[in-house]
Amino acid sequence: MIGTDRAEEARDETFLLLAGHDGLASLGFGYANIVATRVDDPSPVVGDTDVLVLRWGPAHPLGDGAVRQRVCLSVLGPTARSSALRTWEVLSVAGDALLSRQAADPAGTSIEVSAPHLQQGLVGRLVTTGFDVLTHS
């Protein structure tokens, strides 16, 4: 199914976007510690390094060849457990990077805040953790 292939491609593109993002790199996140999983997979094993987890829901056809997938972000690891401010910062930078992707590829893939709006409260502030990735064939 073409929509499913495009959905897989969108997951790969999203991973590459975050793994190569300068803002996340400055916080210590890159290819080695960004992990993509399915929503029903167990949490990844975390050692002594924090991990940014992209937890993907199933692809849902919307019609006209469009597919919606939800991705939820979380940070796991020793620093994340001890520093809510760092976790907020990583999630905030990652979310901003996802939302900026729409401008780079307006015809193929768009990323928007999920509906319902999924947020996490950290250090007295809310940060968006859920995003809908829409792919168009």
Foldseek 3Di string as FASTA:
>chain_A
DVLVVLVVVVVVVLLQLLQPDPQLVVLPHHDVAEEEEEQPDDDDDEDADKHKYWHKYDWDDDPQSKIKIKTFIFIDHDVVVVALPSRQSNLQVSVVSQQVVCVVCVPFKHKDQDVVFDWDDTPNDIGTGMIMIMGHD
